Amino acid sequence: VMLGAGPTYNGSWHACRKILRVEGLSGLYRGYGATLASFGPFSALYFLFYEQFKIQSMRLSETGSERDLATAYAFLNGAGAGALAGLITNGLDM
């Protein structure tokens, strides 16, 4: 038993066709604003932290360019930037 049962779809294409027919093109983008409201700040913080971590990694490893940076540094920079950005923007995903 489903409470407040909404439309039933038989797959992605069926859902797209039915939404376009019933709600028009704007129906496909309903809720997109909420996605942008959480993804935008996360992305901005991610790139900010990643660039800062990269600069610090280049200083620590005494390399003059990003190309000379070890893969482990790139991995840790990305993981750290993602974790920190996610920690800060976690409330926006609710």
Protein backbone atom coordinates (compact mmCIF):
# COMPACT_ATOMS: atom_id res chain seq x y z
CA VAL A 1 0.00 0.00 0.00
CA MET A 2 1.46 3.35 -1.05
CA LEU A 3 0.37 6.46 0.75
CA GLY A 4 -0.10 9.48 -1.50
CA ALA A 5 0.71 7.45 -4.58
CA GLY A 6 2.02 9.58 -7.40
CA PRO A 7 2.55 8.73 -11.03
CA THR A 8 3.87 5.28 -11.88
CA TYR A 9 6.61 4.96 -14.49
CA ASN A 10 7.89 1.93 -16.36
CA GLY A 11 11.40 3.33 -16.81
CA SER A 12 13.32 6.51 -17.48
CA TRP A 13 12.10 7.08 -21.03
CA HIS A 14 8.50 6.48 -20.03
CA ALA A 15 8.89 8.95 -17.14
CA CYS A 16 10.37 11.63 -19.44
CA ARG A 17 7.64 11.23 -22.04
CA LYS A 18 4.87 11.29 -19.43
CA ILE A 19 6.31 14.33 -17.60
CA LEU A 20 6.74 16.21 -20.88
CA ARG A 21 3.18 15.39 -21.91
CA VAL A 22 1.58 16.29 -18.57
CA GLU A 23 3.79 19.11 -17.20
CA GLY A 24 5.74 20.34 -20.20
CA LEU A 25 9.47 21.01 -20.38
CA SER A 26 9.51 22.83 -17.04
CA GLY A 27 8.36 19.62 -15.35
CA LEU A 28 11.67 17.97 -16.17
CA TYR A 29 13.55 20.72 -14.33
CA ARG A 30 11.38 20.98 -11.24
CA GLY A 31 13.66 20.69 -8.23
CA TYR A 32 16.77 21.66 -10.23
CA GLY A 33 17.08 24.89 -8.24
CA ALA A 34 17.51 22.90 -5.04
CA THR A 35 20.26 20.86 -6.69
CA LEU A 36 22.10 24.00 -7.75
CA ALA A 37 21.66 25.53 -4.29
CA SER A 38 23.63 22.67 -2.75
CA PHE A 39 26.00 21.77 -5.59
CA GLY A 40 27.15 25.34 -6.29
CA PRO A 41 28.58 26.06 -2.84
CA PHE A 42 30.10 22.57 -2.61
CA SER A 43 31.88 22.99 -5.94
CA ALA A 44 33.15 26.45 -5.08
CA LEU A 45 34.54 25.27 -1.74
CA TYR A 46 35.97 22.10 -3.28
CA PHE A 47 37.98 24.02 -5.87
CA LEU A 48 39.10 26.58 -3.28
CA PHE A 49 40.36 23.88 -0.92
CA TYR A 50 41.85 21.78 -3.69
CA GLU A 51 43.90 24.69 -5.03
CA GLN A 52 45.11 25.60 -1.55
CA PHE A 53 46.03 21.99 -0.76
CA LYS A 54 47.83 21.74 -4.10
CA ILE A 55 49.90 24.85 -3.37
CA GLN A 56 50.84 23.47 0.06
CA SER A 57 51.69 20.07 -1.46
CA MET A 58 53.97 21.70 -4.01
CA ARG A 59 55.73 23.57 -1.21
CA LEU A 60 56.10 20.43 0.92
CA SER A 61 57.42 18.30 -1.93
CA GLU A 62 59.53 21.17 -3.26
CA THR A 63 58.22 20.79 -6.80
CA GLY A 64 57.94 23.74 -9.12
CA SER A 65 54.94 22.59 -11.09
CA GLU A 66 51.72 20.69 -10.68
CA ARG A 67 52.91 18.10 -13.22
CA ASP A 68 55.79 17.13 -10.94
CA LEU A 69 53.49 16.50 -7.99
CA ALA A 70 53.25 12.83 -6.96
CA THR A 71 49.96 11.03 -7.61
CA ALA A 72 49.53 10.44 -3.88
CA TYR A 73 49.50 14.19 -3.29
CA ALA A 74 46.86 14.69 -5.98
CA PHE A 75 44.74 11.93 -4.46
CA LEU A 76 45.04 13.34 -0.93
CA ASN A 77 44.38 16.87 -2.14
CA GLY A 78 41.18 15.78 -3.84
CA ALA A 79 40.03 13.62 -0.96
CA GLY A 80 40.75 16.33 1.59
CA ALA A 81 39.06 19.03 -0.46
CA GLY A 82 35.97 16.87 -0.99
CA ALA A 83 35.73 15.90 2.66
CA LEU A 84 36.09 19.46 3.89
CA ALA A 85 33.65 20.89 1.34
CA GLY A 86 31.16 18.11 2.17
CA LEU A 87 31.50 18.73 5.88
CA ILE A 88 30.76 22.43 5.46
CA THR A 89 27.87 22.07 2.98
CA ASN A 90 26.28 18.94 4.45
CA GLY A 91 23.29 20.86 5.78
CA LEU A 92 22.42 22.10 2.29
CA ASP A 93 21.76 18.54 1.14
CA MET A 94 18.90 18.05 3.56
